[in-house]
Amino acid sequence: MPLLIAPYGVELRVVRVHLDEKTKKRLESLGLTIDTRLTILSQGGEGTIVLLKGARVAIDRDLASRIFVAQAA
């Protein structure tokens, strides 16, 4: 499911990222890669705030719709 519609407060795992290489590299530098675990803290009109490796990261709506996650096992 896209990060944009994922549930709050549940540990999620990144399974796929459909972005251009430049944007993928930027997200990788922030620690967001395939199999990374994250938790959604809030979602609003502008985007999504996630807890990623102990840091809060804001992701805009366009990016959040192209990052696919699944519930972590």
PDB file of N, CA and C in Angstrom:
ATOM      1  N   MET A   1       0.846  -1.172   0.000  1.00  0.00           N
ATOM      2  CA  MET A   1       0.000   0.000   0.000  1.00  0.00           C
ATOM      3  C   MET A   1       0.891   1.234   0.000  1.00  0.00           C
ATOM      4  N   PRO A   2       0.433   2.316  -0.590  1.00  0.00           N
ATOM      5  CA  PRO A   2       1.222   3.552  -0.562  1.00  0.00           C
ATOM      6  C   PRO A   2       1.323   4.105   0.865  1.00  0.00           C
ATOM      7  N   LEU A   3       2.415   4.725   1.165  1.00  0.00           N
ATOM      8  CA  LEU A   3       2.618   5.339   2.477  1.00  0.00           C
ATOM      9  C   LEU A   3       1.509   6.353   2.767  1.00  0.00           C
ATOM     10  N   LEU A   4       1.006   6.974   1.735  1.00  0.00           N
ATOM     11  CA  LEU A   4      -0.025   8.002   1.857  1.00  0.00           C
ATOM     12  C   LEU A   4      -1.289   7.491   2.549  1.00  0.00           C
ATOM     13  N   ILE A   5      -1.611   6.198   2.401  1.00  0.00           N
ATOM     14  CA  ILE A   5      -2.840   5.661   3.000  1.00  0.00           C
ATOM     15  C   ILE A   5      -2.571   4.609   4.077  1.00  0.00           C
ATOM     16  N   ALA A   6      -1.341   4.485   4.496  1.00  0.00           N
ATOM     17  CA  ALA A   6      -0.975   3.488   5.516  1.00  0.00           C
ATOM     18  C   ALA A   6      -1.513   3.913   6.885  1.00  0.00           C
ATOM     19  N   PRO A   7      -1.724   2.942   7.789  1.00  0.00           N
ATOM     20  CA  PRO A   7      -2.270   3.249   9.116  1.00  0.00           C
ATOM     21  C   PRO A   7      -1.249   3.940  10.028  1.00  0.00           C
ATOM     22  N   TYR A   8      -1.771   4.705  10.968  1.00  0.00           N
ATOM     23  CA  TYR A   8      -0.951   5.391  11.974  1.00  0.00           C
ATOM     24  C   TYR A   8      -0.486   4.426  13.053  1.00  0.00           C
ATOM     25  N   GLY A   9       0.652   4.742  13.657  1.00  0.00           N
ATOM     26  CA  GLY A   9       1.090   4.044  14.861  1.00  0.00           C
ATOM     27  C   GLY A   9       1.437   2.576  14.698  1.00  0.00           C
ATOM     28  N   VAL A  10       1.547   2.093  13.480  1.00  0.00           N
ATOM     29  CA  VAL A  10       1.876   0.697  13.210  1.00  0.00           C
ATOM     30  C   VAL A  10       3.264   0.666  12.574  1.00  0.00           C
ATOM     31  N   GLU A  11       4.092  -0.270  13.008  1.00  0.00           N
ATOM     32  CA  GLU A  11       5.414  -0.375  12.399  1.00  0.00           C
ATOM     33  C   GLU A  11       5.254  -0.908  10.970  1.00  0.00           C
ATOM     34  N   LEU A  12       5.821  -0.169  10.026  1.00  0.00           N
ATOM     35  CA  LEU A  12       5.729  -0.507   8.607  1.00  0.00           C
ATOM     36  C   LEU A  12       7.113  -0.786   8.055  1.00  0.00           C
ATOM     37  N   ARG A  13       7.150  -1.471   6.927  1.00  0.00           N
ATOM     38  CA  ARG A  13       8.406  -1.792   6.250  1.00  0.00           C
ATOM     39  C   ARG A  13       8.296  -1.313   4.810  1.00  0.00           C
ATOM     40  N   VAL A  14       9.310  -0.599   4.332  1.00  0.00           N
ATOM     41  CA  VAL A  14       9.325  -0.119   2.949  1.00  0.00           C
ATOM     42  C   VAL A  14       9.577  -1.311   2.029  1.00  0.00           C
ATOM     43  N   VAL A  15       8.693  -1.502   1.053  1.00  0.00           N
ATOM     44  CA  VAL A  15       8.828  -2.634   0.141  1.00  0.00           C
ATOM     45  C   VAL A  15       9.167  -2.214  -1.287  1.00  0.00           C
ATOM     46  N   ARG A  16       8.818  -0.974  -1.660  1.00  0.00           N
ATOM     47  CA  ARG A  16       9.079  -0.530  -3.034  1.00  0.00           C
ATOM     48  C   ARG A  16       9.071   0.991  -3.077  1.00  0.00           C
ATOM     49  N   VAL A  17       9.916   1.569  -3.932  1.00  0.00           N
ATOM     50  CA  VAL A  17       9.994   3.021  -4.099  1.00  0.00           C
ATOM     51  C   VAL A  17      10.001   3.322  -5.598  1.00  0.00           C
ATOM     52  N   HIS A  18       8.995   4.054  -6.060  1.00  0.00           N
ATOM     53  CA  HIS A  18       8.896   4.416  -7.479  1.00  0.00           C
ATOM     54  C   HIS A  18       9.229   5.896  -7.646  1.00  0.00           C
ATOM     55  N   LEU A  19      10.516   6.217  -7.647  1.00  0.00           N
ATOM     56  CA  LEU A  19      10.973   7.595  -7.776  1.00  0.00           C
ATOM     57  C   LEU A  19      12.168   7.640  -8.717  1.00  0.00           C
ATOM     58  N   ASP A  20      12.493   8.843  -9.159  1.00  0.00           N
ATOM     59  CA  ASP A  20      13.686   8.987  -9.996  1.00  0.00           C
ATOM     60  C   ASP A  20      14.934   8.767  -9.144  1.00  0.00           C
ATOM     61  N   GLU A  21      16.039   8.491  -9.795  1.00  0.00           N
ATOM     62  CA  GLU A  21      17.277   8.132  -9.082  1.00  0.00           C
ATOM     63  C   GLU A  21      17.762   9.231  -8.141  1.00  0.00           C
ATOM     64  N   LYS A  22      17.646  10.481  -8.547  1.00  0.00           N
ATOM     65  CA  LYS A  22      18.107  11.592  -7.706  1.00  0.00           C
ATOM     66  C   LYS A  22      17.326  11.626  -6.380  1.00  0.00           C
ATOM     67  N   THR A  23      16.015  11.472  -6.474  1.00  0.00           N
ATOM     68  CA  THR A  23      15.176  11.487  -5.269  1.00  0.00           C
ATOM     69  C   THR A  23      15.425  10.257  -4.415  1.00  0.00           C
ATOM     70  N   LYS A  24      15.602   9.090  -5.058  1.00  0.00           N
ATOM     71  CA  LYS A  24      15.925   7.873  -4.309  1.00  0.00           C
ATOM     72  C   LYS A  24      17.205   8.045  -3.511  1.00  0.00           C
ATOM     73  N   LYS A  25      18.227   8.630  -4.134  1.00  0.00           N
ATOM     74  CA  LYS A  25      19.508   8.845  -3.444  1.00  0.00           C
ATOM     75  C   LYS A  25      19.327   9.771  -2.247  1.00  0.00           C
ATOM     76  N   ARG A  26      18.501  10.811  -2.403  1.00  0.00           N
ATOM     77  CA  ARG A  26      18.255  11.748  -1.306  1.00  0.00           C
ATOM     78  C   ARG A  26      17.573  11.026  -0.140  1.00  0.00           C
ATOM     79  N   LEU A  27      16.576  10.205  -0.439  1.00  0.00           N
ATOM     80  CA  LEU A  27      15.895   9.455   0.614  1.00  0.00           C
ATOM     81  C   LEU A  27      16.826   8.437   1.259  1.00  0.00           C
ATOM     82  N   GLU A  28      17.683   7.816   0.468  1.00  0.00           N
ATOM     83  CA  GLU A  28      18.661   6.874   1.022  1.00  0.00           C
ATOM     84  C   GLU A  28      19.598   7.578   1.988  1.00  0.00           C
ATOM     85  N   SER A  29      19.970   8.821   1.681  1.00  0.00           N
ATOM     86  CA  SER A  29      20.856   9.565   2.589  1.00  0.00           C
ATOM     87  C   SER A  29      20.158   9.881   3.914  1.00  0.00           C
ATOM     88  N   LEU A  30      18.825   9.915   3.889  1.00  0.00           N
ATOM     89  CA  LEU A  30      18.049  10.124   5.120  1.00  0.00           C
ATOM     90  C   LEU A  30      17.782   8.813   5.857  1.00  0.00           C
ATOM     91  N   GLY A  31      18.120   7.686   5.210  1.00  0.00           N
ATOM     92  CA  GLY A  31      17.942   6.387   5.838  1.00  0.00           C
ATOM     93  C   GLY A  31      16.732   5.620   5.347  1.00  0.00           C
ATOM     94  N   LEU A  32      16.015   6.136   4.355  1.00  0.00           N
ATOM     95  CA  LEU A  32      14.833   5.455   3.850  1.00  0.00           C
ATOM     96  C   LEU A  32      15.221   4.604   2.643  1.00  0.00           C
ATOM     97  N   THR A  33      15.339   3.300   2.873  1.00  0.00           N
ATOM     98  CA  THR A  33      15.690   2.350   1.820  1.00  0.00           C
ATOM     99  C   THR A  33      14.720   1.169   1.891  1.00  0.00           C
ATOM    100  N   ILE A  34      14.815   0.248   0.943  1.00  0.00           N
ATOM    101  CA  ILE A  34      13.991  -0.948   0.972  1.00  0.00           C
ATOM    102  C   ILE A  34      14.262  -1.706   2.274  1.00  0.00           C
ATOM    103  N   ASP A  35      13.226  -2.217   2.898  1.00  0.00           N
ATOM    104  CA  ASP A  35      13.247  -2.950   4.174  1.00  0.00           C
ATOM    105  C   ASP A  35      13.459  -2.069   5.399  1.00  0.00           C
ATOM    106  N   THR A  36      13.512  -0.745   5.225  1.00  0.00           N
ATOM    107  CA  THR A  36      13.591   0.155   6.373  1.00  0.00           C
ATOM    108  C   THR A  36      12.267   0.108   7.124  1.00  0.00           C
ATOM    109  N   ARG A  37      12.339   0.131   8.437  1.00  0.00           N
ATOM    110  CA  ARG A  37      11.129   0.141   9.263  1.00  0.00           C
ATOM    111  C   ARG A  37      10.843   1.571   9.697  1.00  0.00           C
ATOM    112  N   LEU A  38       9.574   1.946   9.650  1.00  0.00           N
ATOM    113  CA  LEU A  38       9.158   3.300  10.028  1.00  0.00           C
ATOM    114  C   LEU A  38       7.758   3.260  10.606  1.00  0.00           C
ATOM    115  N   THR A  39       7.370   4.350  11.255  1.00  0.00           N
ATOM    116  CA  THR A  39       6.042   4.490  11.840  1.00  0.00           C
ATOM    117  C   THR A  39       5.493   5.852  11.460  1.00  0.00           C
ATOM    118  N   ILE A  40       4.243   5.905  11.029  1.00  0.00           N
ATOM    119  CA  ILE A  40       3.613   7.180  10.679  1.00  0.00           C
ATOM    120  C   ILE A  40       3.192   7.873  11.963  1.00  0.00           C
ATOM    121  N   LEU A  41       3.641   9.123  12.122  1.00  0.00           N
ATOM    122  CA  LEU A  41       3.264   9.917  13.290  1.00  0.00           C
ATOM    123  C   LEU A  41       2.045  10.781  12.996  1.00  0.00           C
ATOM    124  N   SER A  42       1.992  11.366  11.794  1.00  0.00           N
ATOM    125  CA  SER A  42       0.832  12.178  11.418  1.00  0.00           C
ATOM    126  C   SER A  42       0.755  12.313   9.911  1.00  0.00           C
ATOM    127  N   GLN A  43      -0.461  12.585   9.450  1.00  0.00           N
ATOM    128  CA  GLN A  43      -0.698  12.833   8.036  1.00  0.00           C
ATOM    129  C   GLN A  43      -1.618  14.032   7.938  1.00  0.00           C
ATOM    130  N   GLY A  44      -1.361  14.867   6.950  1.00  0.00           N
ATOM    131  CA  GLY A  44      -2.193  16.043   6.757  1.00  0.00           C
ATOM    132  C   GLY A  44      -2.264  16.383   5.284  1.00  0.00           C
ATOM    133  N   GLY A  45      -2.806  17.551   4.999  1.00  0.00           N
ATOM    134  CA  GLY A  45      -2.965  17.990   3.624  1.00  0.00           C
ATOM    135  C   GLY A  45      -1.653  18.153   2.885  1.00  0.00           C
ATOM    136  N   GLU A  46      -0.606  18.516   3.588  1.00  0.00           N
ATOM    137  CA  GLU A  46       0.693  18.759   2.953  1.00  0.00           C
ATOM    138  C   GLU A  46       1.531  17.502   2.794  1.00  0.00           C
ATOM    139  N   GLY A  47       1.364  16.535   3.703  1.00  0.00           N
ATOM    140  CA  GLY A  47       2.190  15.340   3.614  1.00  0.00           C
ATOM    141  C   GLY A  47       2.115  14.485   4.850  1.00  0.00           C
ATOM    142  N   THR A  48       3.162  13.698   5.036  1.00  0.00           N
ATOM    143  CA  THR A  48       3.216  12.700   6.100  1.00  0.00           C
ATOM    144  C   THR A  48       4.481  12.888   6.926  1.00  0.00           C
ATOM    145  N   ILE A  49       4.372  12.738   8.225  1.00  0.00           N
ATOM    146  CA  ILE A  49       5.540  12.772   9.098  1.00  0.00           C
ATOM    147  C   ILE A  49       5.731  11.365   9.645  1.00  0.00           C
ATOM    148  N   VAL A  50       6.929  10.825   9.442  1.00  0.00           N
ATOM    149  CA  VAL A  50       7.227   9.461   9.879  1.00  0.00           C
ATOM    150  C   VAL A  50       8.372   9.465  10.880  1.00  0.00           C
ATOM    151  N   LEU A  51       8.391   8.460  11.725  1.00  0.00           N
ATOM    152  CA  LEU A  51       9.506   8.220  12.631  1.00  0.00           C
ATOM    153  C   LEU A  51      10.390   7.195  11.945  1.00  0.00           C
ATOM    154  N   LEU A  52      11.601   7.607  11.619  1.00  0.00           N
ATOM    155  CA  LEU A  52      12.519   6.796  10.834  1.00  0.00           C
ATOM    156  C   LEU A  52      13.860   6.762  11.539  1.00  0.00           C
ATOM    157  N   LYS A  53      14.208   5.611  12.107  1.00  0.00           N
ATOM    158  CA  LYS A  53      15.485   5.435  12.813  1.00  0.00           C
ATOM    159  C   LYS A  53      15.681   6.489  13.899  1.00  0.00           C
ATOM    160  N   GLY A  54      14.623   6.763  14.647  1.00  0.00           N
ATOM    161  CA  GLY A  54      14.698   7.693  15.765  1.00  0.00           C
ATOM    162  C   GLY A  54      14.563   9.155  15.407  1.00  0.00           C
ATOM    163  N   ALA A  55      14.372   9.487  14.136  1.00  0.00           N
ATOM    164  CA  ALA A  55      14.238  10.873  13.697  1.00  0.00           C
ATOM    165  C   ALA A  55      12.900  11.071  12.994  1.00  0.00           C
ATOM    166  N   ARG A  56      12.362  12.265  13.114  1.00  0.00           N
ATOM    167  CA  ARG A  56      11.130  12.600  12.405  1.00  0.00           C
ATOM    168  C   ARG A  56      11.495  13.120  11.018  1.00  0.00           C
ATOM    169  N   VAL A  57      10.819  12.583  10.011  1.00  0.00           N
ATOM    170  CA  VAL A  57      11.075  12.974   8.627  1.00  0.00           C
ATOM    171  C   VAL A  57       9.745  13.341   7.991  1.00  0.00           C
ATOM    172  N   ALA A  58       9.682  14.512   7.349  1.00  0.00           N
ATOM    173  CA  ALA A  58       8.482  14.948   6.641  1.00  0.00           C
ATOM    174  C   ALA A  58       8.601  14.543   5.174  1.00  0.00           C
ATOM    175  N   ILE A  59       7.534  13.940   4.657  1.00  0.00           N
ATOM    176  CA  ILE A  59       7.496  13.487   3.268  1.00  0.00           C
ATOM    177  C   ILE A  59       6.256  14.083   2.622  1.00  0.00           C
ATOM    178  N   ASP A  60       6.426  14.792   1.501  1.00  0.00           N
ATOM    179  CA  ASP A  60       5.256  15.419   0.880  1.00  0.00           C
ATOM    180  C   ASP A  60       4.332  14.383   0.251  1.00  0.00           C
ATOM    181  N   ARG A  61       3.119  14.803  -0.075  1.00  0.00           N
ATOM    182  CA  ARG A  61       2.080  13.894  -0.572  1.00  0.00           C
ATOM    183  C   ARG A  61       2.507  13.147  -1.827  1.00  0.00           C
ATOM    184  N   ASP A  62       3.169  13.828  -2.743  1.00  0.00           N
ATOM    185  CA  ASP A  62       3.595  13.194  -3.995  1.00  0.00           C
ATOM    186  C   ASP A  62       4.570  12.047  -3.721  1.00  0.00           C
ATOM    187  N   LEU A  63       5.564  12.295  -2.879  1.00  0.00           N
ATOM    188  CA  LEU A  63       6.524  11.239  -2.541  1.00  0.00           C
ATOM    189  C   LEU A  63       5.857  10.105  -1.771  1.00  0.00           C
ATOM    190  N   ALA A  64       4.986  10.461  -0.820  1.00  0.00           N
ATOM    191  CA  ALA A  64       4.317   9.439  -0.017  1.00  0.00           C
ATOM    192  C   ALA A  64       3.441   8.531  -0.870  1.00  0.00           C
ATOM    193  N   SER A  65       2.943   9.033  -1.976  1.00  0.00           N
ATOM    194  CA  SER A  65       2.114   8.193  -2.845  1.00  0.00           C
ATOM    195  C   SER A  65       2.953   7.250  -3.690  1.00  0.00           C
ATOM    196  N   ARG A  66       4.267   7.461  -3.740  1.00  0.00           N
ATOM    197  CA  ARG A  66       5.166   6.626  -4.550  1.00  0.00           C
ATOM    198  C   ARG A  66       6.066   5.723  -3.707  1.00  0.00           C
ATOM    199  N   ILE A  67       5.896   5.762  -2.393  1.00  0.00           N
ATOM    200  CA  ILE A  67       6.632   4.884  -1.484  1.00  0.00           C
ATOM    201  C   ILE A  67       5.648   3.841  -0.972  1.00  0.00           C
ATOM    202  N   PHE A  68       5.939   2.572  -1.236  1.00  0.00           N
ATOM    203  CA  PHE A  68       5.008   1.504  -0.877  1.00  0.00           C
ATOM    204  C   PHE A  68       5.521   0.751   0.346  1.00  0.00           C
ATOM    205  N   VAL A  69       4.599   0.478   1.272  1.00  0.00           N
ATOM    206  CA  VAL A  69       4.951  -0.156   2.540  1.00  0.00           C
ATOM    207  C   VAL A  69       4.026  -1.332   2.818  1.00  0.00           C
ATOM    208  N   ALA A  70       4.448  -2.170   3.760  1.00  0.00           N
ATOM    209  CA  ALA A  70       3.640  -3.277   4.279  1.00  0.00           C
ATOM    210  C   ALA A  70       3.847  -3.309   5.778  1.00  0.00           C
ATOM    211  N   GLN A  71       2.923  -3.923   6.496  1.00  0.00           N
ATOM    212  CA  GLN A  71       3.090  -4.042   7.942  1.00  0.00           C
ATOM    213  C   GLN A  71       4.304  -4.916   8.221  1.00  0.00           C
ATOM    214  N   ALA A  72       5.111  -4.467   9.172  1.00  0.00           N
ATOM    215  CA  ALA A  72       6.318  -5.216   9.550  1.00  0.00           C
ATOM    216  C   ALA A  72       5.895  -6.476  10.312  1.00  0.00           C
ATOM    217  N   ALA A  73       6.622  -7.532  10.096  1.00  0.00           N
ATOM    218  CA  ALA A  73       6.293  -8.801  10.760  1.00  0.00           C
ATOM    219  C   ALA A  73       6.957  -8.896  12.114  1.00  0.00           C
TER     220      ALA A  73
END
